[in-house]
């Protein structure tokens, strides 16, 4: 199974698929709103209980991930990255691009 996943990843690096930017942006925006709402609800209890503080930081982590996805998809949509990557070295650029946003979020 591991080798199959590596093989599929290699094929995607060679010929990146088109990304459904609008659908991903819509879902990520809903996730951001839900995470912000959860953080607001948990913010009062996070000052009192250690468990609530842990839940609050989990919500914060999820919110930052949503922001990272939104930034990532806006950059992909704005710069038409799948088309750009086909002309450049796709494996290097995609790995770098994805890693930066993974570290940020």
PDB file of N, CA and C in Angstrom:
ATOM      1  N   UNK A   1       0.816  -1.182   0.000  1.00  0.00           N
ATOM      2  CA  UNK A   1       0.000   0.000   0.000  1.00  0.00           C
ATOM      3  C   UNK A   1       0.873   1.265   0.000  1.00  0.00           C
ATOM      4  N   UNK A   2       1.911   1.258   0.823  1.00  0.00           N
ATOM      5  CA  UNK A   2       2.817   2.401   0.908  1.00  0.00           C
ATOM      6  C   UNK A   2       3.457   2.694  -0.451  1.00  0.00           C
ATOM      7  N   UNK A   3       3.903   1.662  -1.133  1.00  0.00           N
ATOM      8  CA  UNK A   3       4.536   1.854  -2.442  1.00  0.00           C
ATOM      9  C   UNK A   3       3.536   2.382  -3.469  1.00  0.00           C
ATOM     10  N   UNK A   4       2.301   1.928  -3.372  1.00  0.00           N
ATOM     11  CA  UNK A   4       1.268   2.420  -4.286  1.00  0.00           C
ATOM     12  C   UNK A   4       1.017   3.911  -4.062  1.00  0.00           C
ATOM     13  N   UNK A   5       0.970   4.336  -2.799  1.00  0.00           N
ATOM     14  CA  UNK A   5       0.762   5.754  -2.489  1.00  0.00           C
ATOM     15  C   UNK A   5       1.927   6.588  -3.014  1.00  0.00           C
ATOM     16  N   UNK A   6       3.155   6.087  -2.837  1.00  0.00           N
ATOM     17  CA  UNK A   6       4.315   6.801  -3.378  1.00  0.00           C
ATOM     18  C   UNK A   6       4.246   6.893  -4.899  1.00  0.00           C
ATOM     19  N   UNK A   7       3.822   5.822  -5.543  1.00  0.00           N
ATOM     20  CA  UNK A   7       3.699   5.809  -6.998  1.00  0.00           C
ATOM     21  C   UNK A   7       2.657   6.838  -7.453  1.00  0.00           C
ATOM     22  N   UNK A   8       1.492   6.868  -6.785  1.00  0.00           N
ATOM     23  CA  UNK A   8       0.453   7.836  -7.145  1.00  0.00           C
ATOM     24  C   UNK A   8       0.929   9.266  -6.906  1.00  0.00           C
ATOM     25  N   UNK A   9       1.661   9.479  -5.823  1.00  0.00           N
ATOM     26  CA  UNK A   9       2.200  10.818  -5.553  1.00  0.00           C
ATOM     27  C   UNK A   9       3.168  11.233  -6.654  1.00  0.00           C
ATOM     28  N   UNK A  10       4.006  10.308  -7.083  1.00  0.00           N
ATOM     29  CA  UNK A  10       4.951  10.597  -8.165  1.00  0.00           C
ATOM     30  C   UNK A  10       4.191  10.988  -9.440  1.00  0.00           C
ATOM     31  N   UNK A  11       3.135  10.244  -9.772  1.00  0.00           N
ATOM     32  CA  UNK A  11       2.359  10.562 -10.972  1.00  0.00           C
ATOM     33  C   UNK A  11       1.708  11.948 -10.870  1.00  0.00           C
ATOM     34  N   UNK A  12       1.237  12.306  -9.671  1.00  0.00           N
ATOM     35  CA  UNK A  12       0.630  13.625  -9.500  1.00  0.00           C
ATOM     36  C   UNK A  12       1.661  14.732  -9.621  1.00  0.00           C
ATOM     37  N   UNK A  13       2.876  14.470  -9.181  1.00  0.00           N
ATOM     38  CA  UNK A  13       3.930  15.476  -9.325  1.00  0.00           C
ATOM     39  C   UNK A  13       4.281  15.674 -10.794  1.00  0.00           C
ATOM     40  N   UNK A  14       4.202  14.624 -11.569  1.00  0.00           N
ATOM     41  CA  UNK A  14       4.531  14.722 -12.986  1.00  0.00           C
ATOM     42  C   UNK A  14       3.431  15.413 -13.785  1.00  0.00           C
ATOM     43  N   UNK A  15       2.175  15.185 -13.400  1.00  0.00           N
ATOM     44  CA  UNK A  15       1.040  15.789 -14.105  1.00  0.00           C
ATOM     45  C   UNK A  15       0.012  16.246 -13.071  1.00  0.00           C
ATOM     46  N   UNK A  16       0.200  17.433 -12.477  1.00  0.00           N
ATOM     47  CA  UNK A  16      -0.691  17.897 -11.415  1.00  0.00           C
ATOM     48  C   UNK A  16      -2.123  18.054 -11.918  1.00  0.00           C
ATOM     49  N   UNK A  17      -3.091  17.576 -11.133  1.00  0.00           N
ATOM     50  CA  UNK A  17      -4.495  17.719 -11.546  1.00  0.00           C
ATOM     51  C   UNK A  17      -4.986  19.146 -11.354  1.00  0.00           C
ATOM     52  N   UNK A  18      -6.033  19.500 -12.076  1.00  0.00           N
ATOM     53  CA  UNK A  18      -6.662  20.804 -11.877  1.00  0.00           C
ATOM     54  C   UNK A  18      -7.340  20.801 -10.509  1.00  0.00           C
ATOM     55  N   UNK A  19      -7.326  21.926  -9.859  1.00  0.00           N
ATOM     56  CA  UNK A  19      -7.888  22.041  -8.519  1.00  0.00           C
ATOM     57  C   UNK A  19      -9.221  22.777  -8.605  1.00  0.00           C
ATOM     58  N   UNK A  20     -10.233  22.240  -7.933  1.00  0.00           N
ATOM     59  CA  UNK A  20     -11.543  22.892  -7.873  1.00  0.00           C
ATOM     60  C   UNK A  20     -11.482  23.997  -6.814  1.00  0.00           C
ATOM     61  N   UNK A  21     -10.912  25.117  -7.187  1.00  0.00           N
ATOM     62  CA  UNK A  21     -10.619  26.192  -6.246  1.00  0.00           C
ATOM     63  C   UNK A  21     -11.853  26.732  -5.543  1.00  0.00           C
ATOM     64  N   UNK A  22     -12.915  26.953  -6.283  1.00  0.00           N
ATOM     65  CA  UNK A  22     -14.099  27.574  -5.690  1.00  0.00           C
ATOM     66  C   UNK A  22     -14.754  26.667  -4.660  1.00  0.00           C
ATOM     67  N   UNK A  23     -14.838  25.393  -4.945  1.00  0.00           N
ATOM     68  CA  UNK A  23     -15.449  24.453  -4.001  1.00  0.00           C
ATOM     69  C   UNK A  23     -14.609  24.336  -2.734  1.00  0.00           C
ATOM     70  N   UNK A  24     -13.292  24.253  -2.894  1.00  0.00           N
ATOM     71  CA  UNK A  24     -12.407  24.147  -1.727  1.00  0.00           C
ATOM     72  C   UNK A  24     -12.475  25.426  -0.905  1.00  0.00           C
ATOM     73  N   UNK A  25     -12.502  26.567  -1.561  1.00  0.00           N
ATOM     74  CA  UNK A  25     -12.593  27.844  -0.862  1.00  0.00           C
ATOM     75  C   UNK A  25     -13.901  27.947  -0.083  1.00  0.00           C
ATOM     76  N   UNK A  26     -14.982  27.485  -0.668  1.00  0.00           N
ATOM     77  CA  UNK A  26     -16.283  27.499   0.006  1.00  0.00           C
ATOM     78  C   UNK A  26     -16.256  26.640   1.267  1.00  0.00           C
ATOM     79  N   UNK A  27     -15.769  25.422   1.163  1.00  0.00           N
ATOM     80  CA  UNK A  27     -15.724  24.509   2.306  1.00  0.00           C
ATOM     81  C   UNK A  27     -14.769  25.034   3.384  1.00  0.00           C
ATOM     82  N   UNK A  28     -13.621  25.544   2.976  1.00  0.00           N
ATOM     83  CA  UNK A  28     -12.660  26.080   3.947  1.00  0.00           C
ATOM     84  C   UNK A  28     -13.216  27.309   4.657  1.00  0.00           C
ATOM     85  N   UNK A  29     -13.981  28.121   3.951  1.00  0.00           N
ATOM     86  CA  UNK A  29     -14.590  29.296   4.576  1.00  0.00           C
ATOM     87  C   UNK A  29     -15.632  28.890   5.615  1.00  0.00           C
ATOM     88  N   UNK A  30     -16.419  27.872   5.299  1.00  0.00           N
ATOM     89  CA  UNK A  30     -17.376  27.353   6.282  1.00  0.00           C
ATOM     90  C   UNK A  30     -16.622  26.814   7.494  1.00  0.00           C
ATOM     91  N   UNK A  31     -15.537  26.081   7.256  1.00  0.00           N
ATOM     92  CA  UNK A  31     -14.724  25.564   8.354  1.00  0.00           C
ATOM     93  C   UNK A  31     -14.160  26.683   9.213  1.00  0.00           C
ATOM     94  N   UNK A  32     -13.729  27.762   8.590  1.00  0.00           N
ATOM     95  CA  UNK A  32     -13.191  28.903   9.334  1.00  0.00           C
ATOM     96  C   UNK A  32     -14.268  29.517  10.229  1.00  0.00           C
ATOM     97  N   UNK A  33     -15.460  29.693   9.699  1.00  0.00           N
ATOM     98  CA  UNK A  33     -16.554  30.266  10.490  1.00  0.00           C
ATOM     99  C   UNK A  33     -16.906  29.347  11.663  1.00  0.00           C
ATOM    100  N   UNK A  34     -16.985  28.059  11.415  1.00  0.00           N
ATOM    101  CA  UNK A  34     -17.297  27.099  12.477  1.00  0.00           C
ATOM    102  C   UNK A  34     -16.198  27.121  13.547  1.00  0.00           C
ATOM    103  N   UNK A  35     -14.944  27.139  13.120  1.00  0.00           N
ATOM    104  CA  UNK A  35     -13.836  27.162  14.081  1.00  0.00           C
ATOM    105  C   UNK A  35     -13.812  28.460  14.889  1.00  0.00           C
ATOM    106  N   UNK A  36     -14.066  29.590  14.248  1.00  0.00           N
ATOM    107  CA  UNK A  36     -14.116  30.860  14.979  1.00  0.00           C
ATOM    108  C   UNK A  36     -15.259  30.874  15.990  1.00  0.00           C
ATOM    109  N   UNK A  37     -16.402  30.307  15.598  1.00  0.00           N
ATOM    110  CA  UNK A  37     -17.537  30.217  16.517  1.00  0.00           C
ATOM    111  C   UNK A  37     -17.190  29.339  17.713  1.00  0.00           C
ATOM    112  N   UNK A  38     -16.572  28.198  17.437  1.00  0.00           N
ATOM    113  CA  UNK A  38     -16.162  27.312  18.525  1.00  0.00           C
ATOM    114  C   UNK A  38     -15.153  27.957  19.449  1.00  0.00           C
ATOM    115  N   UNK A  39     -14.220  28.692  18.884  1.00  0.00           N
ATOM    116  CA  UNK A  39     -13.233  29.384  19.715  1.00  0.00           C
ATOM    117  C   UNK A  39     -13.900  30.448  20.585  1.00  0.00           C
ATOM    118  N   UNK A  40     -14.874  31.149  20.037  1.00  0.00           N
ATOM    119  CA  UNK A  40     -15.587  32.166  20.815  1.00  0.00           C
ATOM    120  C   UNK A  40     -16.325  31.517  21.986  1.00  0.00           C
ATOM    121  N   UNK A  41     -16.984  30.391  21.713  1.00  0.00           N
ATOM    122  CA  UNK A  41     -17.722  29.687  22.766  1.00  0.00           C
ATOM    123  C   UNK A  41     -16.771  29.171  23.844  1.00  0.00           C
ATOM    124  N   UNK A  42     -15.631  28.657  23.428  1.00  0.00           N
ATOM    125  CA  UNK A  42     -14.682  28.065  24.383  1.00  0.00           C
ATOM    126  C   UNK A  42     -13.805  29.099  25.095  1.00  0.00           C
ATOM    127  N   UNK A  43     -13.774  30.332  24.596  1.00  0.00           N
ATOM    128  CA  UNK A  43     -12.838  31.318  25.154  1.00  0.00           C
ATOM    129  C   UNK A  43     -13.117  31.635  26.624  1.00  0.00           C
ATOM    130  N   UNK A  44     -14.372  31.696  26.995  1.00  0.00           N
ATOM    131  CA  UNK A  44     -14.698  32.022  28.393  1.00  0.00           C
ATOM    132  C   UNK A  44     -14.296  30.877  29.327  1.00  0.00           C
ATOM    133  N   UNK A  45     -14.572  29.658  28.929  1.00  0.00           N
ATOM    134  CA  UNK A  45     -14.241  28.510  29.772  1.00  0.00           C
ATOM    135  C   UNK A  45     -12.769  28.196  29.803  1.00  0.00           C
ATOM    136  N   UNK A  46     -12.022  28.665  28.801  1.00  0.00           N
ATOM    137  CA  UNK A  46     -10.582  28.343  28.745  1.00  0.00           C
ATOM    138  C   UNK A  46      -9.797  29.041  29.854  1.00  0.00           C
ATOM    139  N   UNK A  47     -10.382  30.067  30.448  1.00  0.00           N
ATOM    140  CA  UNK A  47      -9.704  30.767  31.539  1.00  0.00           C
ATOM    141  C   UNK A  47      -9.907  30.055  32.875  1.00  0.00           C
ATOM    142  N   UNK A  48     -10.900  29.160  32.932  1.00  0.00           N
ATOM    143  CA  UNK A  48     -11.260  28.503  34.180  1.00  0.00           C
ATOM    144  C   UNK A  48     -10.759  27.061  34.242  1.00  0.00           C
ATOM    145  N   UNK A  49     -10.920  26.331  33.153  1.00  0.00           N
ATOM    146  CA  UNK A  49     -10.644  24.899  33.147  1.00  0.00           C
ATOM    147  C   UNK A  49      -9.495  24.563  32.186  1.00  0.00           C
ATOM    148  N   UNK A  50      -8.634  23.665  32.632  1.00  0.00           N
ATOM    149  CA  UNK A  50      -7.523  23.230  31.785  1.00  0.00           C
ATOM    150  C   UNK A  50      -8.036  22.432  30.587  1.00  0.00           C
ATOM    151  N   UNK A  51      -9.094  21.650  30.785  1.00  0.00           N
ATOM    152  CA  UNK A  51      -9.685  20.891  29.671  1.00  0.00           C
ATOM    153  C   UNK A  51     -10.266  21.838  28.625  1.00  0.00           C
ATOM    154  N   UNK A  52     -10.921  22.884  29.086  1.00  0.00           N
ATOM    155  CA  UNK A  52     -11.487  23.858  28.153  1.00  0.00           C
ATOM    156  C   UNK A  52     -10.378  24.612  27.418  1.00  0.00           C
ATOM    157  N   UNK A  53      -9.275  24.860  28.121  1.00  0.00           N
ATOM    158  CA  UNK A  53      -8.145  25.524  27.487  1.00  0.00           C
ATOM    159  C   UNK A  53      -7.562  24.637  26.389  1.00  0.00           C
ATOM    160  N   UNK A  54      -7.482  23.327  26.658  1.00  0.00           N
ATOM    161  CA  UNK A  54      -7.009  22.387  25.643  1.00  0.00           C
ATOM    162  C   UNK A  54      -7.935  22.346  24.432  1.00  0.00           C
ATOM    163  N   UNK A  55      -9.249  22.351  24.685  1.00  0.00           N
ATOM    164  CA  UNK A  55     -10.222  22.377  23.590  1.00  0.00           C
ATOM    165  C   UNK A  55     -10.115  23.677  22.805  1.00  0.00           C
ATOM    166  N   UNK A  56      -9.875  24.783  23.519  1.00  0.00           N
ATOM    167  CA  UNK A  56      -9.719  26.079  22.862  1.00  0.00           C
ATOM    168  C   UNK A  56      -8.507  26.058  21.921  1.00  0.00           C
ATOM    169  N   UNK A  57      -7.391  25.519  22.407  1.00  0.00           N
ATOM    170  CA  UNK A  57      -6.194  25.471  21.561  1.00  0.00           C
ATOM    171  C   UNK A  57      -6.359  24.497  20.393  1.00  0.00           C
ATOM    172  N   UNK A  58      -7.154  23.459  20.565  1.00  0.00           N
ATOM    173  CA  UNK A  58      -7.474  22.578  19.436  1.00  0.00           C
ATOM    174  C   UNK A  58      -8.265  23.353  18.384  1.00  0.00           C
ATOM    175  N   UNK A  59      -9.224  24.150  18.841  1.00  0.00           N
ATOM    176  CA  UNK A  59      -9.980  24.997  17.914  1.00  0.00           C
ATOM    177  C   UNK A  59      -9.090  26.019  17.228  1.00  0.00           C
ATOM    178  N   UNK A  60      -8.143  26.575  17.977  1.00  0.00           N
ATOM    179  CA  UNK A  60      -7.191  27.527  17.398  1.00  0.00           C
ATOM    180  C   UNK A  60      -6.356  26.862  16.306  1.00  0.00           C
ATOM    181  N   UNK A  61      -5.901  25.655  16.580  1.00  0.00           N
ATOM    182  CA  UNK A  61      -5.124  24.906  15.587  1.00  0.00           C
ATOM    183  C   UNK A  61      -5.952  24.645  14.329  1.00  0.00           C
ATOM    184  N   UNK A  62      -7.201  24.237  14.514  1.00  0.00           N
ATOM    185  CA  UNK A  62      -8.079  23.993  13.364  1.00  0.00           C
ATOM    186  C   UNK A  62      -8.354  25.283  12.595  1.00  0.00           C
ATOM    187  N   UNK A  63      -8.512  26.394  13.317  1.00  0.00           N
ATOM    188  CA  UNK A  63      -8.758  27.672  12.670  1.00  0.00           C
ATOM    189  C   UNK A  63      -7.554  28.094  11.826  1.00  0.00           C
ATOM    190  N   UNK A  64      -6.355  27.913  12.370  1.00  0.00           N
ATOM    191  CA  UNK A  64      -5.149  28.258  11.611  1.00  0.00           C
ATOM    192  C   UNK A  64      -5.001  27.370  10.380  1.00  0.00           C
ATOM    193  N   UNK A  65      -5.405  26.114  10.501  1.00  0.00           N
ATOM    194  CA  UNK A  65      -5.382  25.220   9.339  1.00  0.00           C
ATOM    195  C   UNK A  65      -6.346  25.719   8.268  1.00  0.00           C
ATOM    196  N   UNK A  66      -7.537  26.154   8.688  1.00  0.00           N
ATOM    197  CA  UNK A  66      -8.506  26.699   7.730  1.00  0.00           C
ATOM    198  C   UNK A  66      -7.954  27.934   7.037  1.00  0.00           C
ATOM    199  N   UNK A  67      -7.302  28.801   7.791  1.00  0.00           N
ATOM    200  CA  UNK A  67      -6.694  29.997   7.205  1.00  0.00           C
ATOM    201  C   UNK A  67      -5.608  29.596   6.206  1.00  0.00           C
ATOM    202  N   UNK A  68      -4.792  28.611   6.572  1.00  0.00           N
ATOM    203  CA  UNK A  68      -3.748  28.124   5.667  1.00  0.00           C
ATOM    204  C   UNK A  68      -4.324  27.574   4.373  1.00  0.00           C
ATOM    205  N   UNK A  69      -5.410  26.826   4.480  1.00  0.00           N
ATOM    206  CA  UNK A  69      -6.054  26.277   3.279  1.00  0.00           C
ATOM    207  C   UNK A  69      -6.600  27.409   2.415  1.00  0.00           C
ATOM    208  N   UNK A  70      -7.208  28.405   3.046  1.00  0.00           N
ATOM    209  CA  UNK A  70      -7.755  29.530   2.279  1.00  0.00           C
ATOM    210  C   UNK A  70      -6.639  30.301   1.571  1.00  0.00           C
ATOM    211  N   UNK A  71      -5.545  30.557   2.261  1.00  0.00           N
ATOM    212  CA  UNK A  71      -4.409  31.238   1.629  1.00  0.00           C
ATOM    213  C   UNK A  71      -3.859  30.386   0.485  1.00  0.00           C
ATOM    214  N   UNK A  72      -3.731  29.100   0.735  1.00  0.00           N
ATOM    215  CA  UNK A  72      -3.206  28.177  -0.263  1.00  0.00           C
ATOM    216  C   UNK A  72      -4.088  28.165  -1.514  1.00  0.00           C
ATOM    217  N   UNK A  73      -5.383  28.057  -1.337  1.00  0.00           N
ATOM    218  CA  UNK A  73      -6.270  27.962  -2.496  1.00  0.00           C
ATOM    219  C   UNK A  73      -6.373  29.297  -3.221  1.00  0.00           C
ATOM    220  N   UNK A  74      -6.308  30.415  -2.487  1.00  0.00           N
ATOM    221  CA  UNK A  74      -6.304  31.721  -3.160  1.00  0.00           C
ATOM    222  C   UNK A  74      -5.042  31.900  -4.001  1.00  0.00           C
ATOM    223  N   UNK A  75      -3.906  31.443  -3.476  1.00  0.00           N
ATOM    224  CA  UNK A  75      -2.665  31.520  -4.250  1.00  0.00           C
ATOM    225  C   UNK A  75      -2.741  30.605  -5.470  1.00  0.00           C
ATOM    226  N   UNK A  76      -3.304  29.415  -5.274  1.00  0.00           N
ATOM    227  CA  UNK A  76      -3.446  28.481  -6.394  1.00  0.00           C
ATOM    228  C   UNK A  76      -4.350  29.070  -7.470  1.00  0.00           C
ATOM    229  N   UNK A  77      -5.463  29.645  -7.049  1.00  0.00           N
ATOM    230  CA  UNK A  77      -6.418  30.224  -7.999  1.00  0.00           C
ATOM    231  C   UNK A  77      -5.849  31.468  -8.670  1.00  0.00           C
ATOM    232  N   UNK A  78      -5.194  32.323  -7.892  1.00  0.00           N
ATOM    233  CA  UNK A  78      -4.667  33.580  -8.422  1.00  0.00           C
ATOM    234  C   UNK A  78      -3.541  33.346  -9.430  1.00  0.00           C
ATOM    235  N   UNK A  79      -2.607  32.473  -9.076  1.00  0.00           N
ATOM    236  CA  UNK A  79      -1.435  32.262  -9.925  1.00  0.00           C
ATOM    237  C   UNK A  79      -1.582  31.076 -10.866  1.00  0.00           C
ATOM    238  N   UNK A  80      -2.747  30.429 -10.864  1.00  0.00           N
ATOM    239  CA  UNK A  80      -2.997  29.266 -11.736  1.00  0.00           C
ATOM    240  C   UNK A  80      -1.875  28.244 -11.601  1.00  0.00           C
ATOM    241  N   UNK A  81      -1.559  27.877 -10.362  1.00  0.00           N
ATOM    242  CA  UNK A  81      -0.387  27.049 -10.086  1.00  0.00           C
ATOM    243  C   UNK A  81      -0.336  25.702 -10.809  1.00  0.00           C
ATOM    244  N   UNK A  82      -1.435  24.949 -10.939  1.00  0.00           N
ATOM    245  CA  UNK A  82      -1.268  23.679 -11.660  1.00  0.00           C
ATOM    246  C   UNK A  82      -0.710  23.861 -13.064  1.00  0.00           C
ATOM    247  N   UNK A  83      -1.116  24.933 -13.754  1.00  0.00           N
ATOM    248  CA  UNK A  83      -0.580  25.172 -15.098  1.00  0.00           C
ATOM    249  C   UNK A  83       0.866  25.631 -15.044  1.00  0.00           C
ATOM    250  N   UNK A  84       1.199  26.468 -14.076  1.00  0.00           N
ATOM    251  CA  UNK A  84       2.573  26.945 -13.924  1.00  0.00           C
ATOM    252  C   UNK A  84       3.496  25.782 -13.586  1.00  0.00           C
ATOM    253  N   UNK A  85       3.031  24.893 -12.719  1.00  0.00           N
ATOM    254  CA  UNK A  85       3.872  23.782 -12.273  1.00  0.00           C
ATOM    255  C   UNK A  85       4.177  22.796 -13.393  1.00  0.00           C
ATOM    256  N   UNK A  86       3.292  22.691 -14.380  1.00  0.00           N
ATOM    257  CA  UNK A  86       3.566  21.774 -15.484  1.00  0.00           C
ATOM    258  C   UNK A  86       4.762  22.249 -16.310  1.00  0.00           C
ATOM    259  N   UNK A  87       5.000  23.553 -16.326  1.00  0.00           N
ATOM    260  CA  UNK A  87       6.121  24.095 -17.088  1.00  0.00           C
ATOM    261  C   UNK A  87       7.409  24.078 -16.284  1.00  0.00           C
ATOM    262  N   UNK A  88       7.309  24.142 -14.970  1.00  0.00           N
ATOM    263  CA  UNK A  88       8.489  24.181 -14.110  1.00  0.00           C
ATOM    264  C   UNK A  88       8.790  22.786 -13.585  1.00  0.00           C
ATOM    265  N   UNK A  89       9.602  22.724 -12.550  1.00  0.00           N
ATOM    266  CA  UNK A  89       9.903  21.454 -11.895  1.00  0.00           C
ATOM    267  C   UNK A  89       8.803  21.198 -10.870  1.00  0.00           C
ATOM    268  N   UNK A  90       7.795  20.399 -11.212  1.00  0.00           N
ATOM    269  CA  UNK A  90       6.623  20.292 -10.350  1.00  0.00           C
ATOM    270  C   UNK A  90       6.921  19.699  -8.981  1.00  0.00           C
ATOM    271  N   UNK A  91       7.791  18.728  -8.899  1.00  0.00           N
ATOM    272  CA  UNK A  91       8.012  18.096  -7.607  1.00  0.00           C
ATOM    273  C   UNK A  91       8.625  19.083  -6.616  1.00  0.00           C
ATOM    274  N   UNK A  92       9.603  19.840  -7.029  1.00  0.00           N
ATOM    275  CA  UNK A  92      10.240  20.798  -6.122  1.00  0.00           C
ATOM    276  C   UNK A  92       9.275  21.898  -5.710  1.00  0.00           C
ATOM    277  N   UNK A  93       8.580  22.493  -6.693  1.00  0.00           N
ATOM    278  CA  UNK A  93       7.688  23.601  -6.391  1.00  0.00           C
ATOM    279  C   UNK A  93       6.507  23.171  -5.540  1.00  0.00           C
ATOM    280  N   UNK A  94       5.886  22.044  -5.851  1.00  0.00           N
ATOM    281  CA  UNK A  94       4.736  21.607  -5.071  1.00  0.00           C
ATOM    282  C   UNK A  94       5.132  21.240  -3.652  1.00  0.00           C
ATOM    283  N   UNK A  95       6.243  20.565  -3.500  1.00  0.00           N
ATOM    284  CA  UNK A  95       6.679  20.190  -2.159  1.00  0.00           C
ATOM    285  C   UNK A  95       6.977  21.445  -1.342  1.00  0.00           C
ATOM    286  N   UNK A  96       7.657  22.399  -1.944  1.00  0.00           N
ATOM    287  CA  UNK A  96       7.980  23.640  -1.244  1.00  0.00           C
ATOM    288  C   UNK A  96       6.708  24.408  -0.903  1.00  0.00           C
ATOM    289  N   UNK A  97       5.848  24.556  -1.867  1.00  0.00           N
ATOM    290  CA  UNK A  97       4.594  25.299  -1.720  1.00  0.00           C
ATOM    291  C   UNK A  97       3.724  24.683  -0.627  1.00  0.00           C
ATOM    292  N   UNK A  98       3.544  23.381  -0.665  1.00  0.00           N
ATOM    293  CA  UNK A  98       2.716  22.691   0.325  1.00  0.00           C
ATOM    294  C   UNK A  98       3.365  22.714   1.701  1.00  0.00           C
ATOM    295  N   UNK A  99       4.673  22.545   1.760  1.00  0.00           N
ATOM    296  CA  UNK A  99       5.366  22.516   3.048  1.00  0.00           C
ATOM    297  C   UNK A  99       5.271  23.855   3.761  1.00  0.00           C
ATOM    298  N   UNK A 100       5.415  24.942   3.032  1.00  0.00           N
ATOM    299  CA  UNK A 100       5.343  26.270   3.660  1.00  0.00           C
ATOM    300  C   UNK A 100       3.983  26.471   4.309  1.00  0.00           C
ATOM    301  N   UNK A 101       2.898  26.149   3.611  1.00  0.00           N
ATOM    302  CA  UNK A 101       1.576  26.337   4.175  1.00  0.00           C
ATOM    303  C   UNK A 101       1.265  25.324   5.263  1.00  0.00           C
ATOM    304  N   UNK A 102       1.861  24.146   5.216  1.00  0.00           N
ATOM    305  CA  UNK A 102       1.667  23.171   6.291  1.00  0.00           C
ATOM    306  C   UNK A 102       2.348  23.645   7.560  1.00  0.00           C
ATOM    307  N   UNK A 103       3.534  24.221   7.428  1.00  0.00           N
ATOM    308  CA  UNK A 103       4.261  24.719   8.604  1.00  0.00           C
ATOM    309  C   UNK A 103       3.529  25.913   9.192  1.00  0.00           C
ATOM    310  N   UNK A 104       3.028  26.802   8.344  1.00  0.00           N
ATOM    311  CA  UNK A 104       2.314  27.978   8.833  1.00  0.00           C
ATOM    312  C   UNK A 104       1.083  27.570   9.621  1.00  0.00           C
ATOM    313  N   UNK A 105       0.354  26.599   9.104  1.00  0.00           N
ATOM    314  CA  UNK A 105      -0.887  26.217   9.782  1.00  0.00           C
ATOM    315  C   UNK A 105      -0.601  25.141  10.794  1.00  0.00           C
TER     316      UNK A 105
END
